[in-house]
N, C-alpha and C. Protein backbone atom coordinates (compact mmCIF):
# COMPACT_ATOMS: atom_id res chain seq x y z
N MET A 1 14.64 143.80 -91.71
CA MET A 1 14.81 145.06 -91.03
C MET A 1 14.22 146.19 -91.87
N PRO A 2 13.70 147.19 -91.20
CA PRO A 2 13.11 148.30 -91.95
C PRO A 2 14.15 149.14 -92.66
N THR A 3 13.73 149.75 -93.75
CA THR A 3 14.59 150.63 -94.54
C THR A 3 13.93 151.99 -94.61
N CYS A 4 14.71 153.04 -94.36
CA CYS A 4 14.19 154.40 -94.44
C CYS A 4 13.73 154.67 -95.87
N GLN A 5 12.58 155.28 -96.00
CA GLN A 5 12.03 155.57 -97.33
C GLN A 5 12.64 156.82 -97.95
N HIS A 6 13.44 157.54 -97.19
CA HIS A 6 14.05 158.77 -97.70
C HIS A 6 15.52 158.55 -98.07
N CYS A 7 16.30 158.00 -97.14
CA CYS A 7 17.74 157.81 -97.41
C CYS A 7 18.07 156.37 -97.81
N HIS A 8 17.10 155.47 -97.69
CA HIS A 8 17.22 154.06 -98.11
C HIS A 8 18.30 153.29 -97.35
N ARG A 9 18.55 153.70 -96.11
CA ARG A 9 19.48 152.95 -95.27
C ARG A 9 18.69 152.01 -94.38
N GLN A 10 19.24 150.82 -94.20
CA GLN A 10 18.56 149.80 -93.40
C GLN A 10 18.88 150.03 -91.92
N TRP A 11 17.85 149.95 -91.10
CA TRP A 11 18.02 150.13 -89.67
C TRP A 11 18.60 148.86 -89.04
N THR A 12 19.26 149.02 -87.91
CA THR A 12 19.75 147.87 -87.17
C THR A 12 18.61 147.31 -86.31
N ARG A 13 18.83 146.14 -85.79
CA ARG A 13 17.82 145.51 -84.94
C ARG A 13 17.56 146.38 -83.71
N TRP A 14 18.61 146.93 -83.11
CA TRP A 14 18.47 147.76 -81.92
C TRP A 14 17.66 149.02 -82.22
N GLN A 15 17.92 149.66 -83.35
CA GLN A 15 17.18 150.86 -83.73
C GLN A 15 15.70 150.52 -83.96
N THR A 16 15.44 149.35 -84.49
CA THR A 16 14.07 148.92 -84.71
C THR A 16 13.36 148.70 -83.39
N TYR A 17 14.00 148.01 -82.45
CA TYR A 17 13.40 147.79 -81.14
C TYR A 17 13.14 149.13 -80.44
N LYS A 18 14.06 150.05 -80.58
CA LYS A 18 13.92 151.36 -79.94
C LYS A 18 12.69 152.09 -80.49
N SER A 19 12.47 152.03 -81.80
CA SER A 19 11.30 152.69 -82.39
C SER A 19 10.01 151.95 -82.05
N MET A 20 10.07 150.64 -81.87
CA MET A 20 8.89 149.86 -81.51
C MET A 20 8.44 150.20 -80.10
N GLY A 21 9.35 150.54 -79.24
CA GLY A 21 9.02 150.82 -77.84
C GLY A 21 8.30 152.14 -77.62
N LYS A 22 8.26 153.00 -78.63
CA LYS A 22 7.62 154.31 -78.47
C LYS A 22 6.13 154.28 -78.78
N PHE A 23 5.64 153.27 -79.45
CA PHE A 23 4.22 153.10 -79.77
C PHE A 23 3.65 154.30 -80.55
N LYS A 24 4.43 154.86 -81.43
CA LYS A 24 3.96 155.97 -82.26
C LYS A 24 3.97 155.54 -83.72
N ARG A 25 3.06 156.09 -84.51
CA ARG A 25 3.02 155.78 -85.94
C ARG A 25 4.16 156.46 -86.68
N LYS A 26 4.53 157.66 -86.23
CA LYS A 26 5.58 158.41 -86.90
C LYS A 26 6.91 158.17 -86.18
N VAL A 27 7.90 157.69 -86.93
CA VAL A 27 9.22 157.45 -86.36
C VAL A 27 10.25 158.26 -87.15
N ILE A 28 11.34 158.57 -86.50
CA ILE A 28 12.39 159.38 -87.12
C ILE A 28 13.56 158.46 -87.48
N CYS A 29 14.04 158.62 -88.71
CA CYS A 29 15.18 157.83 -89.16
C CYS A 29 16.42 158.26 -88.38
N PRO A 30 17.16 157.30 -87.81
CA PRO A 30 18.37 157.66 -87.07
C PRO A 30 19.51 158.15 -87.97
N TYR A 31 19.40 157.94 -89.26
CA TYR A 31 20.46 158.34 -90.18
C TYR A 31 20.22 159.72 -90.79
N CYS A 32 19.03 159.94 -91.34
CA CYS A 32 18.78 161.22 -92.04
C CYS A 32 17.89 162.16 -91.24
N GLY A 33 17.23 161.67 -90.18
CA GLY A 33 16.40 162.51 -89.33
C GLY A 33 15.03 162.83 -89.89
N LYS A 34 14.66 162.23 -91.01
CA LYS A 34 13.34 162.50 -91.60
C LYS A 34 12.31 161.53 -91.03
N HIS A 35 11.05 161.94 -91.12
CA HIS A 35 9.96 161.14 -90.58
C HIS A 35 9.56 160.02 -91.54
N ASN A 36 9.34 158.85 -90.96
CA ASN A 36 8.78 157.70 -91.66
C ASN A 36 7.56 157.27 -90.86
N TYR A 37 6.71 156.51 -91.48
CA TYR A 37 5.53 155.99 -90.80
C TYR A 37 5.57 154.47 -90.81
N ILE A 38 5.12 153.90 -89.70
CA ILE A 38 5.06 152.44 -89.62
C ILE A 38 3.92 151.99 -90.52
N ALA A 39 4.20 151.04 -91.39
CA ALA A 39 3.20 150.57 -92.36
C ALA A 39 2.06 149.85 -91.64
N PHE A 40 0.87 150.01 -92.17
CA PHE A 40 -0.30 149.35 -91.60
C PHE A 40 -0.12 147.83 -91.61
N LYS A 41 0.59 147.33 -92.61
CA LYS A 41 0.86 145.90 -92.73
C LYS A 41 1.63 145.39 -91.50
N THR A 42 2.49 146.23 -90.93
CA THR A 42 3.24 145.85 -89.75
C THR A 42 2.30 145.62 -88.57
N TYR A 43 1.31 146.50 -88.41
CA TYR A 43 0.34 146.33 -87.33
C TYR A 43 -0.48 145.06 -87.53
N GLN A 44 -0.82 144.76 -88.76
CA GLN A 44 -1.58 143.54 -89.03
C GLN A 44 -0.75 142.31 -88.67
N ARG A 45 0.50 142.32 -89.02
CA ARG A 45 1.36 141.17 -88.72
C ARG A 45 1.57 141.01 -87.22
N SER A 46 1.75 142.12 -86.51
CA SER A 46 2.00 142.02 -85.07
C SER A 46 0.76 141.58 -84.31
N SER A 47 -0.42 141.77 -84.86
CA SER A 47 -1.64 141.34 -84.19
C SER A 47 -1.74 139.82 -84.13
N TRP A 48 -1.03 139.12 -84.97
CA TRP A 48 -1.04 137.66 -84.94
C TRP A 48 -0.49 137.12 -83.63
N ILE A 49 0.43 137.83 -83.01
CA ILE A 49 0.99 137.38 -81.74
C ILE A 49 -0.12 137.30 -80.69
N GLY A 50 -0.94 138.33 -80.63
CA GLY A 50 -2.05 138.32 -79.68
C GLY A 50 -3.06 137.23 -79.97
N LEU A 51 -3.29 137.00 -81.25
CA LEU A 51 -4.22 135.95 -81.64
C LEU A 51 -3.69 134.56 -81.24
N VAL A 52 -2.41 134.33 -81.43
CA VAL A 52 -1.82 133.05 -81.05
C VAL A 52 -1.93 132.84 -79.54
N ILE A 53 -1.68 133.90 -78.77
CA ILE A 53 -1.79 133.80 -77.31
C ILE A 53 -3.23 133.48 -76.91
N LEU A 54 -4.18 134.15 -77.52
CA LEU A 54 -5.59 133.89 -77.20
C LEU A 54 -5.97 132.44 -77.52
N ILE A 55 -5.56 131.96 -78.67
CA ILE A 55 -5.87 130.58 -79.05
C ILE A 55 -5.22 129.59 -78.09
N MET A 56 -3.97 129.87 -77.70
CA MET A 56 -3.29 128.99 -76.74
C MET A 56 -4.06 128.92 -75.43
N GLU A 57 -4.51 130.07 -74.94
CA GLU A 57 -5.26 130.09 -73.68
C GLU A 57 -6.58 129.33 -73.80
N VAL A 58 -7.26 129.51 -74.91
CA VAL A 58 -8.54 128.82 -75.11
C VAL A 58 -8.32 127.31 -75.15
N ILE A 59 -7.20 126.88 -75.66
CA ILE A 59 -6.90 125.44 -75.72
C ILE A 59 -6.44 124.92 -74.36
N MET A 60 -5.61 125.70 -73.65
CA MET A 60 -5.01 125.21 -72.40
C MET A 60 -5.98 125.19 -71.22
N ILE A 61 -6.87 126.15 -71.13
CA ILE A 61 -7.74 126.24 -69.96
C ILE A 61 -8.68 125.04 -69.82
N PRO A 62 -9.36 124.60 -70.88
CA PRO A 62 -10.25 123.43 -70.70
C PRO A 62 -9.51 122.14 -70.34
N PHE A 63 -8.23 122.07 -70.70
CA PHE A 63 -7.45 120.86 -70.38
C PHE A 63 -6.74 120.98 -69.05
N HIS A 64 -7.03 122.03 -68.30
CA HIS A 64 -6.47 122.24 -66.96
C HIS A 64 -4.94 122.17 -66.95
N VAL A 65 -4.35 122.83 -67.91
CA VAL A 65 -2.89 122.91 -67.96
C VAL A 65 -2.45 123.79 -66.79
N PRO A 66 -1.47 123.32 -66.01
CA PRO A 66 -1.02 124.11 -64.86
C PRO A 66 -0.57 125.52 -65.27
N SER A 67 -0.76 126.45 -64.38
CA SER A 67 -0.44 127.86 -64.65
C SER A 67 1.03 128.07 -65.00
N VAL A 68 1.90 127.27 -64.40
CA VAL A 68 3.33 127.42 -64.69
C VAL A 68 3.60 127.12 -66.16
N TYR A 69 3.00 126.09 -66.69
CA TYR A 69 3.19 125.75 -68.10
C TYR A 69 2.56 126.80 -69.02
N GLN A 70 1.41 127.33 -68.59
CA GLN A 70 0.78 128.39 -69.38
C GLN A 70 1.68 129.62 -69.43
N PHE A 71 2.25 129.97 -68.28
CA PHE A 71 3.15 131.13 -68.23
C PHE A 71 4.33 130.94 -69.17
N TRP A 72 4.98 129.78 -69.10
CA TRP A 72 6.16 129.55 -69.94
C TRP A 72 5.80 129.48 -71.42
N ALA A 73 4.66 128.91 -71.74
CA ALA A 73 4.23 128.87 -73.14
C ALA A 73 3.99 130.29 -73.66
N LEU A 74 3.34 131.13 -72.87
CA LEU A 74 3.11 132.51 -73.27
C LEU A 74 4.42 133.28 -73.38
N PHE A 75 5.32 133.04 -72.43
CA PHE A 75 6.62 133.70 -72.46
C PHE A 75 7.39 133.33 -73.73
N ILE A 76 7.37 132.07 -74.10
CA ILE A 76 8.08 131.61 -75.31
C ILE A 76 7.47 132.23 -76.56
N VAL A 77 6.14 132.27 -76.64
CA VAL A 77 5.48 132.87 -77.81
C VAL A 77 5.82 134.35 -77.91
N LEU A 78 5.77 135.05 -76.78
CA LEU A 78 6.12 136.48 -76.80
C LEU A 78 7.58 136.70 -77.18
N ALA A 79 8.48 135.86 -76.67
CA ALA A 79 9.90 136.01 -76.98
C ALA A 79 10.16 135.77 -78.47
N ILE A 80 9.54 134.74 -79.02
CA ILE A 80 9.72 134.46 -80.45
C ILE A 80 9.13 135.59 -81.29
N GLY A 81 7.95 136.07 -80.90
CA GLY A 81 7.34 137.19 -81.61
C GLY A 81 8.20 138.43 -81.54
N PHE A 82 8.77 138.71 -80.38
CA PHE A 82 9.62 139.88 -80.20
C PHE A 82 10.88 139.78 -81.05
N MET A 83 11.41 138.57 -81.20
CA MET A 83 12.63 138.39 -82.01
C MET A 83 12.32 138.46 -83.50
N LEU A 84 11.15 138.00 -83.92
CA LEU A 84 10.81 137.98 -85.35
C LEU A 84 10.22 139.29 -85.86
N LEU A 85 9.62 140.08 -84.99
CA LEU A 85 8.92 141.28 -85.44
C LEU A 85 9.79 142.26 -86.23
N PRO A 86 11.03 142.53 -85.85
CA PRO A 86 11.83 143.47 -86.64
C PRO A 86 12.03 143.04 -88.09
N ALA A 87 11.99 141.75 -88.35
CA ALA A 87 12.14 141.27 -89.72
C ALA A 87 10.94 141.65 -90.58
N TYR A 88 9.78 141.84 -89.96
CA TYR A 88 8.55 142.17 -90.69
C TYR A 88 8.17 143.64 -90.54
N TYR A 89 9.00 144.41 -89.92
CA TYR A 89 8.75 145.83 -89.67
C TYR A 89 8.98 146.60 -90.96
N GLU A 90 7.96 147.31 -91.42
CA GLU A 90 8.07 148.07 -92.67
C GLU A 90 7.75 149.54 -92.42
N LEU A 91 8.40 150.40 -93.19
CA LEU A 91 8.18 151.83 -93.09
C LEU A 91 7.64 152.36 -94.40
N THR A 92 6.86 153.44 -94.32
CA THR A 92 6.37 154.13 -95.51
C THR A 92 6.69 155.61 -95.36
N SER A 93 6.70 156.31 -96.48
CA SER A 93 6.98 157.75 -96.44
C SER A 93 5.74 158.55 -96.11
N GLU A 94 4.56 157.96 -96.29
CA GLU A 94 3.30 158.61 -95.98
C GLU A 94 2.49 157.70 -95.07
N GLU A 95 1.65 158.32 -94.26
CA GLU A 95 0.83 157.54 -93.35
C GLU A 95 -0.23 156.77 -94.15
N ASP A 96 -0.30 155.48 -93.89
CA ASP A 96 -1.30 154.65 -94.57
C ASP A 96 -2.23 154.05 -93.52
N GLY A 97 -3.25 153.38 -93.98
CA GLY A 97 -4.23 152.79 -93.07
C GLY A 97 -4.98 151.69 -93.77
N PRO A 98 -6.01 151.20 -93.11
CA PRO A 98 -6.79 150.13 -93.76
C PRO A 98 -7.47 150.64 -95.01
N SER A 99 -7.45 149.82 -96.04
CA SER A 99 -8.07 150.25 -97.29
C SER A 99 -9.37 149.54 -97.56
């Protein structure tokens, strides 16, 4: 779970999901009200979910896997990714980017 870089309090899973749903780089700590930034490393880690989905599709389409199975496989990957992402969510006190 992410930890505020100003007050050093750990966010709950619900607070993390709530901040993830806004799609903004700058998030406000629910405890101290100060701004934190989502670490670039978090974006890199979350991009793996899309890559896994793309690879699954590339593998399933040539083998004529029925659409129902493709849907459920994608649903399971997205659900697992959604459950694991808060554990890898990191905050920084300053905006960072690719180096």
